Amino acid sequence: MNKLFALGFVSLFFAVVGCSSDAANAITNPIDCHHVCQRYADCYNSSYDVDGCASKCADKANDSNNNQDHLDACNSCIGDKSCLNATFSCASDCSGIVP
């Protein structure tokens, strides 16, 4: 009976944690951050440390909803725009995420 109770508790825990918005952000942030940082490297500096940028970006985005919103705005803004268009259109949305 104790094993059944423990199994039920663990299952409930993972169901709640796995479905939380924080868990979804933890999965989404590295993908969005890597995309934004890689885009910067592709457009402006081929030797840019994309992995370092993505790691700092994800940590920052996980710190607050405002930072997450900022990342989402940048990622949405750059979309599939050309480098030149993204530079002029997305400068304020992406400031602080990439140089």
N, C-alpha and C. Protein backbone atom coordinates (compact mmCIF):
# COMPACT_ATOMS: atom_id res chain seq x y z
N MET A 1 0.82 -1.19 0.00
CA MET A 1 0.00 0.00 0.00
C MET A 1 0.87 1.26 0.00
N ASN A 2 1.96 1.25 0.77
CA ASN A 2 2.86 2.41 0.81
C ASN A 2 3.51 2.65 -0.55
N LYS A 3 3.85 1.57 -1.23
CA LYS A 3 4.45 1.73 -2.56
C LYS A 3 3.45 2.36 -3.53
N LEU A 4 2.21 1.95 -3.43
CA LEU A 4 1.17 2.50 -4.29
C LEU A 4 0.97 3.99 -4.00
N PHE A 5 0.96 4.35 -2.72
CA PHE A 5 0.82 5.75 -2.32
C PHE A 5 2.01 6.56 -2.84
N ALA A 6 3.22 6.06 -2.67
CA ALA A 6 4.42 6.77 -3.12
C ALA A 6 4.41 6.93 -4.64
N LEU A 7 4.01 5.89 -5.35
CA LEU A 7 3.93 5.97 -6.80
C LEU A 7 2.90 7.00 -7.24
N GLY A 8 1.77 7.03 -6.56
CA GLY A 8 0.74 8.02 -6.87
C GLY A 8 1.23 9.43 -6.60
N PHE A 9 1.93 9.64 -5.50
CA PHE A 9 2.45 10.96 -5.16
C PHE A 9 3.48 11.42 -6.19
N VAL A 10 4.39 10.55 -6.56
CA VAL A 10 5.42 10.90 -7.54
C VAL A 10 4.77 11.21 -8.89
N SER A 11 3.78 10.42 -9.28
CA SER A 11 3.09 10.67 -10.55
C SER A 11 2.38 12.02 -10.54
N LEU A 12 1.72 12.33 -9.43
CA LEU A 12 1.04 13.61 -9.30
C LEU A 12 2.03 14.76 -9.34
N PHE A 13 3.16 14.61 -8.66
CA PHE A 13 4.20 15.64 -8.64
C PHE A 13 4.68 15.94 -10.06
N PHE A 14 5.02 14.92 -10.82
CA PHE A 14 5.52 15.13 -12.17
C PHE A 14 4.43 15.67 -13.10
N ALA A 15 3.20 15.30 -12.87
CA ALA A 15 2.11 15.83 -13.69
C ALA A 15 1.96 17.32 -13.45
N VAL A 16 2.06 17.75 -12.20
CA VAL A 16 1.92 19.18 -11.88
C VAL A 16 3.13 19.96 -12.37
N VAL A 17 4.32 19.47 -12.07
CA VAL A 17 5.54 20.17 -12.47
C VAL A 17 5.69 20.16 -13.99
N GLY A 18 5.41 19.05 -14.60
CA GLY A 18 5.57 18.92 -16.04
C GLY A 18 4.60 19.79 -16.83
N CYS A 19 3.50 20.17 -16.24
CA CYS A 19 2.50 20.97 -16.93
C CYS A 19 2.54 22.44 -16.55
N SER A 20 3.44 22.82 -15.70
CA SER A 20 3.49 24.21 -15.26
C SER A 20 4.09 25.09 -16.35
N SER A 21 3.80 26.38 -16.29
CA SER A 21 4.34 27.31 -17.28
C SER A 21 5.85 27.44 -17.14
N ASP A 22 6.37 27.30 -15.90
CA ASP A 22 7.82 27.37 -15.71
C ASP A 22 8.51 26.23 -16.44
N ALA A 23 7.92 25.06 -16.39
CA ALA A 23 8.51 23.92 -17.10
C ALA A 23 8.48 24.17 -18.61
N ALA A 24 7.39 24.72 -19.10
CA ALA A 24 7.30 25.03 -20.53
C ALA A 24 8.33 26.08 -20.91
N ASN A 25 8.51 27.11 -20.08
CA ASN A 25 9.51 28.15 -20.36
C ASN A 25 10.91 27.57 -20.34
N ALA A 26 11.18 26.66 -19.43
CA ALA A 26 12.52 26.07 -19.35
C ALA A 26 12.85 25.32 -20.63
N ILE A 27 11.84 24.75 -21.27
CA ILE A 27 12.06 24.06 -22.53
C ILE A 27 12.17 25.05 -23.68
N THR A 28 11.31 26.05 -23.68
CA THR A 28 11.26 27.02 -24.77
C THR A 28 12.44 27.96 -24.77
N ASN A 29 12.86 28.44 -23.60
CA ASN A 29 13.92 29.44 -23.53
C ASN A 29 15.20 29.05 -24.25
N PRO A 30 15.75 27.85 -24.02
CA PRO A 30 16.98 27.51 -24.74
C PRO A 30 16.81 27.53 -26.25
N ILE A 31 15.64 27.12 -26.72
CA ILE A 31 15.40 27.10 -28.16
C ILE A 31 15.34 28.53 -28.70
N ASP A 32 14.52 29.38 -28.06
CA ASP A 32 14.40 30.77 -28.49
C ASP A 32 15.73 31.50 -28.35
N CYS A 33 16.41 31.31 -27.23
CA CYS A 33 17.69 31.99 -27.01
C CYS A 33 18.72 31.56 -28.05
N HIS A 34 18.78 30.29 -28.31
CA HIS A 34 19.74 29.82 -29.30
C HIS A 34 19.43 30.42 -30.66
N HIS A 35 18.15 30.49 -31.01
CA HIS A 35 17.76 31.06 -32.29
C HIS A 35 18.18 32.53 -32.39
N VAL A 36 17.89 33.30 -31.36
CA VAL A 36 18.23 34.73 -31.36
C VAL A 36 19.75 34.91 -31.41
N CYS A 37 20.47 34.16 -30.60
CA CYS A 37 21.94 34.29 -30.57
C CYS A 37 22.58 33.80 -31.87
N GLN A 38 22.06 32.72 -32.43
CA GLN A 38 22.58 32.21 -33.69
C GLN A 38 22.31 33.20 -34.82
N ARG A 39 21.17 33.81 -34.77
CA ARG A 39 20.83 34.81 -35.80
C ARG A 39 21.81 35.98 -35.76
N TYR A 40 22.18 36.41 -34.54
CA TYR A 40 23.16 37.48 -34.40
C TYR A 40 24.49 37.05 -35.01
N ALA A 41 24.91 35.83 -34.70
CA ALA A 41 26.18 35.33 -35.26
C ALA A 41 26.11 35.25 -36.78
N ASP A 42 25.02 34.78 -37.31
CA ASP A 42 24.87 34.65 -38.76
C ASP A 42 24.90 36.01 -39.45
N CYS A 43 24.30 37.00 -38.82
CA CYS A 43 24.18 38.32 -39.45
C CYS A 43 25.40 39.22 -39.23
N TYR A 44 26.01 39.14 -38.06
CA TYR A 44 26.98 40.18 -37.70
C TYR A 44 28.36 39.71 -37.27
N ASN A 45 28.47 38.52 -36.68
CA ASN A 45 29.77 38.13 -36.13
C ASN A 45 29.85 36.61 -36.13
N SER A 46 30.46 36.05 -37.14
CA SER A 46 30.50 34.60 -37.28
C SER A 46 31.27 33.90 -36.16
N SER A 47 32.10 34.64 -35.42
CA SER A 47 32.84 34.02 -34.32
C SER A 47 32.19 34.29 -32.96
N TYR A 48 30.96 34.80 -32.97
CA TYR A 48 30.22 35.09 -31.75
C TYR A 48 29.97 33.81 -30.96
N ASP A 49 30.09 33.86 -29.64
CA ASP A 49 29.89 32.70 -28.77
C ASP A 49 28.39 32.46 -28.60
N VAL A 50 27.82 31.71 -29.51
CA VAL A 50 26.38 31.45 -29.52
C VAL A 50 25.96 30.67 -28.28
N ASP A 51 26.72 29.64 -27.92
CA ASP A 51 26.35 28.83 -26.76
C ASP A 51 26.39 29.65 -25.47
N GLY A 52 27.42 30.49 -25.32
CA GLY A 52 27.51 31.35 -24.13
C GLY A 52 26.37 32.34 -24.07
N CYS A 53 26.06 32.94 -25.21
CA CYS A 53 24.94 33.88 -25.31
C CYS A 53 23.63 33.18 -24.96
N ALA A 54 23.40 32.01 -25.52
CA ALA A 54 22.15 31.28 -25.29
C ALA A 54 22.00 30.89 -23.83
N SER A 55 23.10 30.50 -23.20
CA SER A 55 23.05 30.12 -21.79
C SER A 55 22.69 31.32 -20.90
N LYS A 56 23.35 32.45 -21.13
CA LYS A 56 23.06 33.66 -20.35
C LYS A 56 21.63 34.12 -20.61
N CYS A 57 21.22 34.07 -21.85
CA CYS A 57 19.87 34.48 -22.24
C CYS A 57 18.81 33.63 -21.55
N ALA A 58 18.99 32.31 -21.55
CA ALA A 58 18.01 31.41 -20.93
C ALA A 58 17.94 31.64 -19.43
N ASP A 59 19.11 31.82 -18.79
CA ASP A 59 19.12 32.10 -17.35
C ASP A 59 18.36 33.38 -17.05
N LYS A 60 18.60 34.40 -17.85
CA LYS A 60 17.95 35.69 -17.64
C LYS A 60 16.44 35.57 -17.89
N ALA A 61 16.05 34.87 -18.93
CA ALA A 61 14.63 34.71 -19.26
C ALA A 61 13.89 33.94 -18.17
N ASN A 62 14.57 32.99 -17.55
CA ASN A 62 13.95 32.21 -16.48
C ASN A 62 13.83 32.99 -15.18
N ASP A 63 14.54 34.12 -15.07
CA ASP A 63 14.52 34.91 -13.84
C ASP A 63 13.21 35.67 -13.64
N SER A 64 12.57 36.10 -14.71
CA SER A 64 11.34 36.87 -14.54
C SER A 64 10.47 36.80 -15.79
N ASN A 65 9.19 37.06 -15.59
CA ASN A 65 8.26 37.09 -16.71
C ASN A 65 8.57 38.23 -17.65
N ASN A 66 9.05 39.37 -17.13
CA ASN A 66 9.40 40.50 -17.99
C ASN A 66 10.53 40.11 -18.94
N ASN A 67 11.54 39.42 -18.42
CA ASN A 67 12.65 38.97 -19.27
C ASN A 67 12.16 37.95 -20.30
N GLN A 68 11.26 37.09 -19.89
CA GLN A 68 10.69 36.10 -20.82
C GLN A 68 9.91 36.82 -21.92
N ASP A 69 9.14 37.82 -21.54
CA ASP A 69 8.37 38.59 -22.53
C ASP A 69 9.30 39.30 -23.51
N HIS A 70 10.41 39.82 -22.99
CA HIS A 70 11.41 40.51 -23.82
C HIS A 70 12.00 39.54 -24.84
N LEU A 71 12.34 38.34 -24.40
CA LEU A 71 12.88 37.31 -25.29
C LEU A 71 11.84 36.93 -26.34
N ASP A 72 10.60 36.74 -25.92
CA ASP A 72 9.55 36.37 -26.86
C ASP A 72 9.36 37.46 -27.92
N ALA A 73 9.39 38.73 -27.48
CA ALA A 73 9.22 39.84 -28.43
C ALA A 73 10.36 39.87 -29.44
N CYS A 74 11.58 39.67 -28.97
CA CYS A 74 12.74 39.66 -29.87
C CYS A 74 12.63 38.51 -30.86
N ASN A 75 12.36 37.33 -30.36
CA ASN A 75 12.28 36.15 -31.22
C ASN A 75 11.17 36.30 -32.26
N SER A 76 10.03 36.83 -31.83
CA SER A 76 8.92 37.05 -32.77
C SER A 76 9.27 38.12 -33.80
N CYS A 77 9.95 39.16 -33.35
CA CYS A 77 10.27 40.27 -34.24
C CYS A 77 11.24 39.84 -35.35
N ILE A 78 12.30 39.14 -34.98
CA ILE A 78 13.29 38.79 -36.00
C ILE A 78 12.73 37.78 -36.99
N GLY A 79 11.87 36.89 -36.51
CA GLY A 79 11.22 35.91 -37.39
C GLY A 79 12.09 35.51 -38.55
N ASP A 80 11.59 35.73 -39.73
CA ASP A 80 12.37 35.39 -40.93
C ASP A 80 12.76 36.64 -41.70
N LYS A 81 12.87 37.77 -40.99
CA LYS A 81 13.30 39.01 -41.63
C LYS A 81 14.75 38.90 -42.07
N SER A 82 15.11 39.69 -43.04
CA SER A 82 16.52 39.76 -43.45
C SER A 82 17.30 40.39 -42.30
N CYS A 83 18.59 40.23 -42.31
CA CYS A 83 19.44 40.81 -41.27
C CYS A 83 19.26 42.32 -41.20
N LEU A 84 19.22 42.96 -42.34
CA LEU A 84 19.07 44.41 -42.38
C LEU A 84 17.72 44.85 -41.80
N ASN A 85 16.66 44.20 -42.21
CA ASN A 85 15.33 44.54 -41.69
C ASN A 85 15.24 44.27 -40.19
N ALA A 86 15.79 43.17 -39.73
CA ALA A 86 15.75 42.84 -38.30
C ALA A 86 16.53 43.87 -37.49
N THR A 87 17.65 44.36 -38.04
CA THR A 87 18.45 45.36 -37.34
C THR A 87 17.64 46.60 -37.05
N PHE A 88 16.95 47.09 -38.04
CA PHE A 88 16.19 48.33 -37.86
C PHE A 88 14.86 48.10 -37.15
N SER A 89 14.20 47.00 -37.43
CA SER A 89 12.88 46.75 -36.87
C SER A 89 12.90 46.23 -35.44
N CYS A 90 13.95 45.52 -35.07
CA CYS A 90 13.94 44.77 -33.81
C CYS A 90 14.97 45.23 -32.79
N ALA A 91 15.61 46.36 -33.04
CA ALA A 91 16.68 46.81 -32.14
C ALA A 91 16.19 46.94 -30.70
N SER A 92 15.04 47.55 -30.48
CA SER A 92 14.58 47.73 -29.11
C SER A 92 14.10 46.42 -28.51
N ASP A 93 13.49 45.55 -29.32
CA ASP A 93 13.02 44.25 -28.80
C ASP A 93 14.18 43.34 -28.42
N CYS A 94 15.30 43.46 -29.10
CA CYS A 94 16.42 42.54 -28.87
C CYS A 94 17.56 43.13 -28.04
N SER A 95 17.46 44.40 -27.69
CA SER A 95 18.54 44.99 -26.89
C SER A 95 18.61 44.30 -25.53
N GLY A 96 19.81 44.01 -25.11
CA GLY A 96 20.02 43.31 -23.85
C GLY A 96 20.10 41.80 -24.00
N ILE A 97 19.63 41.29 -25.10
CA ILE A 97 19.73 39.85 -25.35
C ILE A 97 20.99 39.58 -26.15
N VAL A 98 21.15 40.34 -27.22
CA VAL A 98 22.38 40.29 -28.02
C VAL A 98 22.91 41.73 -28.11
N PRO A 99 24.20 41.87 -28.39
CA PRO A 99 24.76 43.24 -28.44
C PRO A 99 24.06 44.14 -29.43
